[in-house]
């Protein structure tokens, strides 16, 4: 089993711009409503054990949360379900906002 890739905001933006796969937001509904990355699928971490089948196991998955810890846990859970190409947005959407889109709401 390979380690989950840790991508900083710049690397994650390149990953997304390259159309590599699926973007998974594992924050809560209220967090998603406040701010999210375009094209993200919302499956809160607590719902992931019941809903991971909504994701395509054949495609890479970039997972994010607020600061990167929940998303790392989610990526590890997906890895245990047989997902192979997984990446975590290190620093989460907060790092994305600070470094790439300072106009984004932060909380």
PDB file of N, CA and C in Angstrom:
ATOM      1  N   UNK A   1       0.846  -1.167   0.000  1.00  0.00           N
ATOM      2  CA  UNK A   1       0.000   0.000   0.000  1.00  0.00           C
ATOM      3  C   UNK A   1       0.901   1.244   0.000  1.00  0.00           C
ATOM      4  N   UNK A   2       0.692   2.132  -0.954  1.00  0.00           N
ATOM      5  CA  UNK A   2       1.519   3.329  -1.027  1.00  0.00           C
ATOM      6  C   UNK A   2       0.959   4.418  -0.121  1.00  0.00           C
ATOM      7  N   UNK A   3       1.816   5.341   0.234  1.00  0.00           N
ATOM      8  CA  UNK A   3       1.396   6.450   1.094  1.00  0.00           C
ATOM      9  C   UNK A   3       0.497   7.399   0.317  1.00  0.00           C
ATOM     10  N   UNK A   4      -0.393   8.055   1.038  1.00  0.00           N
ATOM     11  CA  UNK A   4      -1.260   9.070   0.441  1.00  0.00           C
ATOM     12  C   UNK A   4      -0.393  10.281   0.115  1.00  0.00           C
ATOM     13  N   UNK A   5      -0.477  10.758  -1.120  1.00  0.00           N
ATOM     14  CA  UNK A   5       0.274  11.945  -1.533  1.00  0.00           C
ATOM     15  C   UNK A   5      -0.205  13.163  -0.761  1.00  0.00           C
ATOM     16  N   UNK A   6       0.709  14.012  -0.363  1.00  0.00           N
ATOM     17  CA  UNK A   6       0.376  15.284   0.267  1.00  0.00           C
ATOM     18  C   UNK A   6       0.672  16.377  -0.757  1.00  0.00           C
ATOM     19  N   UNK A   7      -0.358  17.075  -1.199  1.00  0.00           N
ATOM     20  CA  UNK A   7      -0.184  18.138  -2.176  1.00  0.00           C
ATOM     21  C   UNK A   7      -0.457  19.485  -1.528  1.00  0.00           C
ATOM     22  N   UNK A   8       0.451  20.416  -1.709  1.00  0.00           N
ATOM     23  CA  UNK A   8       0.207  21.786  -1.277  1.00  0.00           C
ATOM     24  C   UNK A   8      -0.786  22.425  -2.237  1.00  0.00           C
ATOM     25  N   UNK A   9      -1.270  23.615  -1.905  1.00  0.00           N
ATOM     26  CA  UNK A   9      -2.258  24.273  -2.755  1.00  0.00           C
ATOM     27  C   UNK A   9      -1.825  24.444  -4.214  1.00  0.00           C
ATOM     28  N   UNK A  10      -0.581  24.818  -4.459  1.00  0.00           N
ATOM     29  CA  UNK A  10      -0.112  24.995  -5.845  1.00  0.00           C
ATOM     30  C   UNK A  10      -0.140  23.677  -6.603  1.00  0.00           C
ATOM     31  N   UNK A  11       0.342  22.614  -5.976  1.00  0.00           N
ATOM     32  CA  UNK A  11       0.321  21.293  -6.603  1.00  0.00           C
ATOM     33  C   UNK A  11      -1.108  20.822  -6.826  1.00  0.00           C
ATOM     34  N   UNK A  12      -1.973  21.078  -5.846  1.00  0.00           N
ATOM     35  CA  UNK A  12      -3.373  20.656  -5.966  1.00  0.00           C
ATOM     36  C   UNK A  12      -4.062  21.393  -7.111  1.00  0.00           C
ATOM     37  N   UNK A  13      -3.759  22.670  -7.267  1.00  0.00           N
ATOM     38  CA  UNK A  13      -4.349  23.432  -8.370  1.00  0.00           C
ATOM     39  C   UNK A  13      -3.903  22.846  -9.712  1.00  0.00           C
ATOM     40  N   UNK A  14      -2.632  22.491  -9.833  1.00  0.00           N
ATOM     41  CA  UNK A  14      -2.135  21.855 -11.059  1.00  0.00           C
ATOM     42  C   UNK A  14      -2.855  20.526 -11.288  1.00  0.00           C
ATOM     43  N   UNK A  15      -3.044  19.756 -10.228  1.00  0.00           N
ATOM     44  CA  UNK A  15      -3.728  18.468 -10.291  1.00  0.00           C
ATOM     45  C   UNK A  15      -5.139  18.672 -10.827  1.00  0.00           C
ATOM     46  N   UNK A  16      -5.844  19.655 -10.271  1.00  0.00           N
ATOM     47  CA  UNK A  16      -7.217  19.932 -10.687  1.00  0.00           C
ATOM     48  C   UNK A  16      -7.273  20.461 -12.117  1.00  0.00           C
ATOM     49  N   UNK A  17      -6.363  21.372 -12.456  1.00  0.00           N
ATOM     50  CA  UNK A  17      -6.340  21.937 -13.808  1.00  0.00           C
ATOM     51  C   UNK A  17      -6.021  20.875 -14.856  1.00  0.00           C
ATOM     52  N   UNK A  18      -5.322  19.835 -14.430  1.00  0.00           N
ATOM     53  CA  UNK A  18      -4.986  18.738 -15.335  1.00  0.00           C
ATOM     54  C   UNK A  18      -6.131  17.753 -15.513  1.00  0.00           C
ATOM     55  N   UNK A  19      -7.247  17.970 -14.802  1.00  0.00           N
ATOM     56  CA  UNK A  19      -8.403  17.086 -14.925  1.00  0.00           C
ATOM     57  C   UNK A  19      -8.114  15.660 -14.502  1.00  0.00           C
ATOM     58  N   UNK A  20      -7.306  15.511 -13.462  1.00  0.00           N
ATOM     59  CA  UNK A  20      -6.837  14.189 -13.065  1.00  0.00           C
ATOM     60  C   UNK A  20      -7.898  13.268 -12.501  1.00  0.00           C
ATOM     61  N   UNK A  21      -8.946  13.783 -11.873  1.00  0.00           N
ATOM     62  CA  UNK A  21      -9.900  12.863 -11.264  1.00  0.00           C
ATOM     63  C   UNK A  21     -10.978  13.561 -10.475  1.00  0.00           C
ATOM     64  N   UNK A  22     -11.265  13.015  -9.298  1.00  0.00           N
ATOM     65  CA  UNK A  22     -12.373  13.458  -8.455  1.00  0.00           C
ATOM     66  C   UNK A  22     -11.877  14.335  -7.321  1.00  0.00           C
ATOM     67  N   UNK A  23     -12.661  15.332  -6.971  1.00  0.00           N
ATOM     68  CA  UNK A  23     -12.362  16.215  -5.853  1.00  0.00           C
ATOM     69  C   UNK A  23     -13.390  15.931  -4.765  1.00  0.00           C
ATOM     70  N   UNK A  24     -12.921  15.520  -3.606  1.00  0.00           N
ATOM     71  CA  UNK A  24     -13.798  15.128  -2.502  1.00  0.00           C
ATOM     72  C   UNK A  24     -13.615  16.063  -1.313  1.00  0.00           C
ATOM     73  N   UNK A  25     -14.702  16.673  -0.886  1.00  0.00           N
ATOM     74  CA  UNK A  25     -14.741  17.539   0.285  1.00  0.00           C
ATOM     75  C   UNK A  25     -15.343  16.729   1.428  1.00  0.00           C
ATOM     76  N   UNK A  26     -14.600  16.558   2.518  1.00  0.00           N
ATOM     77  CA  UNK A  26     -15.088  15.739   3.632  1.00  0.00           C
ATOM     78  C   UNK A  26     -15.480  16.585   4.850  1.00  0.00           C
ATOM     79  N   UNK A  27     -15.695  17.883   4.637  1.00  0.00           N
ATOM     80  CA  UNK A  27     -16.138  18.751   5.721  1.00  0.00           C
ATOM     81  C   UNK A  27     -17.642  18.586   5.934  1.00  0.00           C
ATOM     82  N   UNK A  28     -18.161  19.298   6.901  1.00  0.00           N
ATOM     83  CA  UNK A  28     -19.592  19.244   7.194  1.00  0.00           C
ATOM     84  C   UNK A  28     -20.366  20.105   6.193  1.00  0.00           C
ATOM     85  N   UNK A  29     -21.678  19.864   6.128  1.00  0.00           N
ATOM     86  CA  UNK A  29     -22.531  20.598   5.186  1.00  0.00           C
ATOM     87  C   UNK A  29     -22.417  22.109   5.368  1.00  0.00           C
ATOM     88  N   UNK A  30     -22.416  22.594   6.604  1.00  0.00           N
ATOM     89  CA  UNK A  30     -22.359  24.040   6.841  1.00  0.00           C
ATOM     90  C   UNK A  30     -21.048  24.629   6.344  1.00  0.00           C
ATOM     91  N   UNK A  31     -19.960  23.862   6.450  1.00  0.00           N
ATOM     92  CA  UNK A  31     -18.662  24.342   5.978  1.00  0.00           C
ATOM     93  C   UNK A  31     -18.663  24.448   4.451  1.00  0.00           C
ATOM     94  N   UNK A  32     -19.240  23.428   3.805  1.00  0.00           N
ATOM     95  CA  UNK A  32     -19.339  23.410   2.351  1.00  0.00           C
ATOM     96  C   UNK A  32     -20.173  24.591   1.856  1.00  0.00           C
ATOM     97  N   UNK A  33     -21.277  24.876   2.547  1.00  0.00           N
ATOM     98  CA  UNK A  33     -22.135  25.989   2.152  1.00  0.00           C
ATOM     99  C   UNK A  33     -21.423  27.330   2.302  1.00  0.00           C
ATOM    100  N   UNK A  34     -20.539  27.438   3.272  1.00  0.00           N
ATOM    101  CA  UNK A  34     -19.783  28.673   3.490  1.00  0.00           C
ATOM    102  C   UNK A  34     -18.779  28.903   2.361  1.00  0.00           C
ATOM    103  N   UNK A  35     -18.036  27.857   2.003  1.00  0.00           N
ATOM    104  CA  UNK A  35     -17.020  27.964   0.961  1.00  0.00           C
ATOM    105  C   UNK A  35     -16.612  26.556   0.522  1.00  0.00           C
ATOM    106  N   UNK A  36     -16.416  26.387  -0.773  1.00  0.00           N
ATOM    107  CA  UNK A  36     -15.931  25.103  -1.287  1.00  0.00           C
ATOM    108  C   UNK A  36     -15.233  25.322  -2.623  1.00  0.00           C
ATOM    109  N   UNK A  37     -14.488  24.323  -3.036  1.00  0.00           N
ATOM    110  CA  UNK A  37     -13.820  24.377  -4.333  1.00  0.00           C
ATOM    111  C   UNK A  37     -14.788  23.902  -5.401  1.00  0.00           C
ATOM    112  N   UNK A  38     -14.810  24.564  -6.554  1.00  0.00           N
ATOM    113  CA  UNK A  38     -15.731  24.180  -7.632  1.00  0.00           C
ATOM    114  C   UNK A  38     -15.529  22.720  -8.055  1.00  0.00           C
ATOM    115  N   UNK A  39     -16.631  22.049  -8.263  1.00  0.00           N
ATOM    116  CA  UNK A  39     -16.581  20.664  -8.725  1.00  0.00           C
ATOM    117  C   UNK A  39     -16.418  19.625  -7.635  1.00  0.00           C
ATOM    118  N   UNK A  40     -16.380  20.066  -6.390  1.00  0.00           N
ATOM    119  CA  UNK A  40     -16.180  19.127  -5.283  1.00  0.00           C
ATOM    120  C   UNK A  40     -17.456  18.342  -4.988  1.00  0.00           C
ATOM    121  N   UNK A  41     -17.262  17.081  -4.657  1.00  0.00           N
ATOM    122  CA  UNK A  41     -18.334  16.231  -4.151  1.00  0.00           C
ATOM    123  C   UNK A  41     -18.265  16.287  -2.637  1.00  0.00           C
ATOM    124  N   UNK A  42     -19.379  16.569  -1.988  1.00  0.00           N
ATOM    125  CA  UNK A  42     -19.409  16.636  -0.532  1.00  0.00           C
ATOM    126  C   UNK A  42     -19.852  15.296   0.039  1.00  0.00           C
ATOM    127  N   UNK A  43     -18.962  14.692   0.816  1.00  0.00           N
ATOM    128  CA  UNK A  43     -19.299  13.520   1.634  1.00  0.00           C
ATOM    129  C   UNK A  43     -18.601  13.757   2.973  1.00  0.00           C
ATOM    130  N   UNK A  44     -19.325  14.260   3.967  1.00  0.00           N
ATOM    131  CA  UNK A  44     -18.695  14.495   5.265  1.00  0.00           C
ATOM    132  C   UNK A  44     -18.000  13.237   5.794  1.00  0.00           C
ATOM    133  N   UNK A  45     -16.900  13.433   6.489  1.00  0.00           N
ATOM    134  CA  UNK A  45     -16.098  12.311   6.974  1.00  0.00           C
ATOM    135  C   UNK A  45     -16.933  11.273   7.707  1.00  0.00           C
ATOM    136  N   UNK A  46     -17.866  11.706   8.545  1.00  0.00           N
ATOM    137  CA  UNK A  46     -18.697  10.771   9.302  1.00  0.00           C
ATOM    138  C   UNK A  46     -19.618   9.929   8.432  1.00  0.00           C
ATOM    139  N   UNK A  47     -19.887  10.392   7.208  1.00  0.00           N
ATOM    140  CA  UNK A  47     -20.748   9.654   6.274  1.00  0.00           C
ATOM    141  C   UNK A  47     -19.956   8.790   5.300  1.00  0.00           C
ATOM    142  N   UNK A  48     -18.649   8.982   5.257  1.00  0.00           N
ATOM    143  CA  UNK A  48     -17.831   8.287   4.262  1.00  0.00           C
ATOM    144  C   UNK A  48     -17.909   6.762   4.340  1.00  0.00           C
ATOM    145  N   UNK A  49     -17.933   6.149   5.531  1.00  0.00           N
ATOM    146  CA  UNK A  49     -18.013   4.687   5.564  1.00  0.00           C
ATOM    147  C   UNK A  49     -19.266   4.127   4.877  1.00  0.00           C
ATOM    148  N   UNK A  50     -20.349   4.889   4.855  1.00  0.00           N
ATOM    149  CA  UNK A  50     -21.568   4.432   4.196  1.00  0.00           C
ATOM    150  C   UNK A  50     -21.665   4.909   2.742  1.00  0.00           C
ATOM    151  N   UNK A  51     -20.883   5.919   2.361  1.00  0.00           N
ATOM    152  CA  UNK A  51     -21.085   6.543   1.054  1.00  0.00           C
ATOM    153  C   UNK A  51     -19.892   6.460   0.102  1.00  0.00           C
ATOM    154  N   UNK A  52     -18.794   5.796   0.488  1.00  0.00           N
ATOM    155  CA  UNK A  52     -17.619   5.776  -0.371  1.00  0.00           C
ATOM    156  C   UNK A  52     -17.912   5.155  -1.733  1.00  0.00           C
ATOM    157  N   UNK A  53     -18.961   4.343  -1.838  1.00  0.00           N
ATOM    158  CA  UNK A  53     -19.302   3.712  -3.122  1.00  0.00           C
ATOM    159  C   UNK A  53     -19.802   4.725  -4.146  1.00  0.00           C
ATOM    160  N   UNK A  54     -20.089   5.957  -3.718  1.00  0.00           N
ATOM    161  CA  UNK A  54     -20.490   7.016  -4.651  1.00  0.00           C
ATOM    162  C   UNK A  54     -19.311   7.520  -5.471  1.00  0.00           C
ATOM    163  N   UNK A  55     -18.099   7.146  -5.066  1.00  0.00           N
ATOM    164  CA  UNK A  55     -16.883   7.569  -5.773  1.00  0.00           C
ATOM    165  C   UNK A  55     -16.445   6.481  -6.743  1.00  0.00           C
ATOM    166  N   UNK A  56     -15.781   6.882  -7.800  1.00  0.00           N
ATOM    167  CA  UNK A  56     -15.262   5.945  -8.790  1.00  0.00           C
ATOM    168  C   UNK A  56     -13.869   5.504  -8.375  1.00  0.00           C
ATOM    169  N   UNK A  57     -13.753   4.253  -7.996  1.00  0.00           N
ATOM    170  CA  UNK A  57     -12.486   3.700  -7.512  1.00  0.00           C
ATOM    171  C   UNK A  57     -11.391   3.721  -8.584  1.00  0.00           C
ATOM    172  N   UNK A  58     -11.796   3.762  -9.858  1.00  0.00           N
ATOM    173  CA  UNK A  58     -10.829   3.736 -10.961  1.00  0.00           C
ATOM    174  C   UNK A  58     -10.179   5.100 -11.213  1.00  0.00           C
ATOM    175  N   UNK A  59     -10.755   6.161 -10.639  1.00  0.00           N
ATOM    176  CA  UNK A  59     -10.219   7.502 -10.867  1.00  0.00           C
ATOM    177  C   UNK A  59      -9.444   8.004  -9.655  1.00  0.00           C
ATOM    178  N   UNK A  60      -8.429   8.826  -9.877  1.00  0.00           N
ATOM    179  CA  UNK A  60      -7.726   9.441  -8.750  1.00  0.00           C
ATOM    180  C   UNK A  60      -8.679  10.315  -7.937  1.00  0.00           C
ATOM    181  N   UNK A  61      -8.380  10.458  -6.645  1.00  0.00           N
ATOM    182  CA  UNK A  61      -9.208  11.271  -5.755  1.00  0.00           C
ATOM    183  C   UNK A  61      -8.303  12.242  -4.996  1.00  0.00           C
ATOM    184  N   UNK A  62      -8.654  13.523  -5.063  1.00  0.00           N
ATOM    185  CA  UNK A  62      -8.015  14.548  -4.240  1.00  0.00           C
ATOM    186  C   UNK A  62      -9.005  14.901  -3.146  1.00  0.00           C
ATOM    187  N   UNK A  63      -8.600  14.716  -1.899  1.00  0.00           N
ATOM    188  CA  UNK A  63      -9.477  14.922  -0.746  1.00  0.00           C
ATOM    189  C   UNK A  63      -9.044  16.189  -0.011  1.00  0.00           C
ATOM    190  N   UNK A  64     -10.044  16.969   0.446  1.00  0.00           N
ATOM    191  CA  UNK A  64      -9.698  18.151   1.238  1.00  0.00           C
ATOM    192  C   UNK A  64     -10.714  18.375   2.347  1.00  0.00           C
ATOM    193  N   UNK A  65     -10.267  19.137   3.338  1.00  0.00           N
ATOM    194  CA  UNK A  65     -11.114  19.557   4.456  1.00  0.00           C
ATOM    195  C   UNK A  65     -10.690  20.974   4.838  1.00  0.00           C
ATOM    196  N   UNK A  66     -10.838  21.347   6.094  1.00  0.00           N
ATOM    197  CA  UNK A  66     -10.487  22.697   6.516  1.00  0.00           C
ATOM    198  C   UNK A  66      -8.972  22.891   6.616  1.00  0.00           C
ATOM    199  N   UNK A  67      -8.292  22.001   7.340  1.00  0.00           N
ATOM    200  CA  UNK A  67      -6.846  22.140   7.522  1.00  0.00           C
ATOM    201  C   UNK A  67      -6.030  20.930   7.058  1.00  0.00           C
ATOM    202  N   UNK A  68      -6.675  19.857   6.638  1.00  0.00           N
ATOM    203  CA  UNK A  68      -5.936  18.725   6.090  1.00  0.00           C
ATOM    204  C   UNK A  68      -5.928  17.454   6.910  1.00  0.00           C
ATOM    205  N   UNK A  69      -6.417  17.495   8.138  1.00  0.00           N
ATOM    206  CA  UNK A  69      -6.387  16.294   8.975  1.00  0.00           C
ATOM    207  C   UNK A  69      -7.544  15.344   8.678  1.00  0.00           C
ATOM    208  N   UNK A  70      -8.759  15.866   8.626  1.00  0.00           N
ATOM    209  CA  UNK A  70      -9.909  15.007   8.297  1.00  0.00           C
ATOM    210  C   UNK A  70      -9.736  14.391   6.917  1.00  0.00           C
ATOM    211  N   UNK A  71      -9.224  15.174   5.981  1.00  0.00           N
ATOM    212  CA  UNK A  71      -9.068  14.661   4.620  1.00  0.00           C
ATOM    213  C   UNK A  71      -8.002  13.570   4.569  1.00  0.00           C
ATOM    214  N   UNK A  72      -6.963  13.700   5.379  1.00  0.00           N
ATOM    215  CA  UNK A  72      -5.949  12.643   5.432  1.00  0.00           C
ATOM    216  C   UNK A  72      -6.573  11.354   5.971  1.00  0.00           C
ATOM    217  N   UNK A  73      -7.388  11.472   7.008  1.00  0.00           N
ATOM    218  CA  UNK A  73      -8.088  10.294   7.549  1.00  0.00           C
ATOM    219  C   UNK A  73      -9.002   9.687   6.479  1.00  0.00           C
ATOM    220  N   UNK A  74      -9.709  10.539   5.751  1.00  0.00           N
ATOM    221  CA  UNK A  74     -10.604  10.063   4.694  1.00  0.00           C
ATOM    222  C   UNK A  74      -9.817   9.332   3.605  1.00  0.00           C
ATOM    223  N   UNK A  75      -8.688   9.886   3.215  1.00  0.00           N
ATOM    224  CA  UNK A  75      -7.869   9.243   2.182  1.00  0.00           C
ATOM    225  C   UNK A  75      -7.384   7.874   2.660  1.00  0.00           C
ATOM    226  N   UNK A  76      -7.015   7.780   3.925  1.00  0.00           N
ATOM    227  CA  UNK A  76      -6.594   6.478   4.477  1.00  0.00           C
ATOM    228  C   UNK A  76      -7.744   5.488   4.472  1.00  0.00           C
ATOM    229  N   UNK A  77      -8.956   5.958   4.792  1.00  0.00           N
ATOM    230  CA  UNK A  77     -10.139   5.088   4.748  1.00  0.00           C
ATOM    231  C   UNK A  77     -10.379   4.594   3.321  1.00  0.00           C
ATOM    232  N   UNK A  78     -10.270   5.495   2.352  1.00  0.00           N
ATOM    233  CA  UNK A  78     -10.481   5.110   0.950  1.00  0.00           C
ATOM    234  C   UNK A  78      -9.401   4.132   0.490  1.00  0.00           C
ATOM    235  N   UNK A  79      -8.198   4.342   0.964  1.00  0.00           N
ATOM    236  CA  UNK A  79      -7.106   3.429   0.614  1.00  0.00           C
ATOM    237  C   UNK A  79      -7.430   2.012   1.102  1.00  0.00           C
ATOM    238  N   UNK A  80      -8.019   1.902   2.280  1.00  0.00           N
ATOM    239  CA  UNK A  80      -8.391   0.596   2.822  1.00  0.00           C
ATOM    240  C   UNK A  80      -9.525  -0.042   2.021  1.00  0.00           C
ATOM    241  N   UNK A  81     -10.276   0.778   1.270  1.00  0.00           N
ATOM    242  CA  UNK A  81     -11.359   0.264   0.424  1.00  0.00           C
ATOM    243  C   UNK A  81     -10.878  -0.042  -0.992  1.00  0.00           C
ATOM    244  N   UNK A  82      -9.582   0.074  -1.228  1.00  0.00           N
ATOM    245  CA  UNK A  82      -9.033  -0.300  -2.522  1.00  0.00           C
ATOM    246  C   UNK A  82      -8.778   0.839  -3.487  1.00  0.00           C
ATOM    247  N   UNK A  83      -8.983   2.077  -3.050  1.00  0.00           N
ATOM    248  CA  UNK A  83      -8.646   3.211  -3.905  1.00  0.00           C
ATOM    249  C   UNK A  83      -7.123   3.322  -3.954  1.00  0.00           C
ATOM    250  N   UNK A  84      -6.583   3.529  -5.143  1.00  0.00           N
ATOM    251  CA  UNK A  84      -5.136   3.521  -5.273  1.00  0.00           C
ATOM    252  C   UNK A  84      -4.495   4.884  -5.418  1.00  0.00           C
ATOM    253  N   UNK A  85      -5.045   5.747  -6.223  1.00  0.00           N
ATOM    254  CA  UNK A  85      -4.427   7.041  -6.511  1.00  0.00           C
ATOM    255  C   UNK A  85      -5.116   8.111  -5.684  1.00  0.00           C
ATOM    256  N   UNK A  86      -4.551   8.396  -4.510  1.00  0.00           N
ATOM    257  CA  UNK A  86      -5.161   9.315  -3.555  1.00  0.00           C
ATOM    258  C   UNK A  86      -4.210  10.442  -3.203  1.00  0.00           C
ATOM    259  N   UNK A  87      -4.761  11.629  -3.064  1.00  0.00           N
ATOM    260  CA  UNK A  87      -3.966  12.779  -2.637  1.00  0.00           C
ATOM    261  C   UNK A  87      -4.764  13.573  -1.614  1.00  0.00           C
ATOM    262  N   UNK A  88      -4.045  14.190  -0.703  1.00  0.00           N
ATOM    263  CA  UNK A  88      -4.627  15.019   0.341  1.00  0.00           C
ATOM    264  C   UNK A  88      -4.155  16.453   0.135  1.00  0.00           C
ATOM    265  N   UNK A  89      -5.080  17.413   0.217  1.00  0.00           N
ATOM    266  CA  UNK A  89      -4.707  18.822   0.143  1.00  0.00           C
ATOM    267  C   UNK A  89      -4.125  19.229   1.497  1.00  0.00           C
ATOM    268  N   UNK A  90      -2.808  19.289   1.569  1.00  0.00           N
ATOM    269  CA  UNK A  90      -2.127  19.665   2.811  1.00  0.00           C
ATOM    270  C   UNK A  90      -2.493  21.103   3.173  1.00  0.00           C
ATOM    271  N   UNK A  91      -2.934  21.302   4.398  1.00  0.00           N
ATOM    272  CA  UNK A  91      -3.345  22.629   4.843  1.00  0.00           C
ATOM    273  C   UNK A  91      -4.794  22.949   4.538  1.00  0.00           C
ATOM    274  N   UNK A  92      -5.439  22.071   3.765  1.00  0.00           N
ATOM    275  CA  UNK A  92      -6.860  22.190   3.477  1.00  0.00           C
ATOM    276  C   UNK A  92      -7.253  23.444   2.718  1.00  0.00           C
ATOM    277  N   UNK A  93      -8.558  23.701   2.738  1.00  0.00           N
ATOM    278  CA  UNK A  93      -9.094  24.856   2.022  1.00  0.00           C
ATOM    279  C   UNK A  93      -8.595  26.162   2.642  1.00  0.00           C
ATOM    280  N   UNK A  94      -8.196  26.115   3.910  1.00  0.00           N
ATOM    281  CA  UNK A  94      -7.653  27.310   4.542  1.00  0.00           C
ATOM    282  C   UNK A  94      -6.328  27.706   3.872  1.00  0.00           C
ATOM    283  N   UNK A  95      -5.457  26.748   3.623  1.00  0.00           N
ATOM    284  CA  UNK A  95      -4.185  27.038   2.934  1.00  0.00           C
ATOM    285  C   UNK A  95      -4.451  27.481   1.500  1.00  0.00           C
ATOM    286  N   UNK A  96      -5.427  26.842   0.855  1.00  0.00           N
ATOM    287  CA  UNK A  96      -5.796  27.229  -0.513  1.00  0.00           C
ATOM    288  C   UNK A  96      -6.192  28.710  -0.540  1.00  0.00           C
ATOM    289  N   UNK A  97      -7.060  29.109   0.395  1.00  0.00           N
ATOM    290  CA  UNK A  97      -7.524  30.497   0.448  1.00  0.00           C
ATOM    291  C   UNK A  97      -6.368  31.453   0.737  1.00  0.00           C
ATOM    292  N   UNK A  98      -5.529  31.111   1.694  1.00  0.00           N
ATOM    293  CA  UNK A  98      -4.414  31.992   2.058  1.00  0.00           C
ATOM    294  C   UNK A  98      -3.447  32.193   0.900  1.00  0.00           C
ATOM    295  N   UNK A  99      -3.132  31.103   0.187  1.00  0.00           N
ATOM    296  CA  UNK A  99      -2.089  31.163  -0.839  1.00  0.00           C
ATOM    297  C   UNK A  99      -2.592  31.467  -2.246  1.00  0.00           C
ATOM    298  N   UNK A 100      -3.792  31.023  -2.568  1.00  0.00           N
ATOM    299  CA  UNK A 100      -4.253  31.123  -3.957  1.00  0.00           C
ATOM    300  C   UNK A 100      -5.430  32.060  -4.166  1.00  0.00           C
ATOM    301  N   UNK A 101      -6.343  32.115  -3.209  1.00  0.00           N
ATOM    302  CA  UNK A 101      -7.559  32.907  -3.388  1.00  0.00           C
ATOM    303  C   UNK A 101      -7.895  33.664  -2.103  1.00  0.00           C
ATOM    304  N   UNK A 102      -7.151  34.739  -1.827  1.00  0.00           N
ATOM    305  CA  UNK A 102      -7.373  35.457  -0.564  1.00  0.00           C
ATOM    306  C   UNK A 102      -8.768  36.067  -0.420  1.00  0.00           C
ATOM    307  N   UNK A 103      -9.527  36.155  -1.494  1.00  0.00           N
ATOM    308  CA  UNK A 103     -10.887  36.687  -1.407  1.00  0.00           C
ATOM    309  C   UNK A 103     -11.879  35.634  -0.905  1.00  0.00           C
ATOM    310  N   UNK A 104     -11.474  34.375  -0.838  1.00  0.00           N
ATOM    311  CA  UNK A 104     -12.359  33.309  -0.348  1.00  0.00           C
ATOM    312  C   UNK A 104     -12.652  33.524   1.136  1.00  0.00           C
ATOM    313  N   UNK A 105     -13.890  33.228   1.559  1.00  0.00           N
ATOM    314  CA  UNK A 105     -14.186  33.299   2.999  1.00  0.00           C
ATOM    315  C   UNK A 105     -13.321  32.305   3.764  1.00  0.00           C
ATOM    316  N   UNK A 106     -12.852  32.739   4.927  1.00  0.00           N
ATOM    317  CA  UNK A 106     -12.084  31.849   5.811  1.00  0.00           C
ATOM    318  C   UNK A 106     -12.811  31.792   7.142  1.00  0.00           C
ATOM    319  N   UNK A 107     -12.658  30.671   7.820  1.00  0.00           N
ATOM    320  CA  UNK A 107     -13.315  30.504   9.119  1.00  0.00           C
ATOM    321  C   UNK A 107     -12.426  29.774  10.066  1.00  0.00           C
TER     322      UNK A 107
END
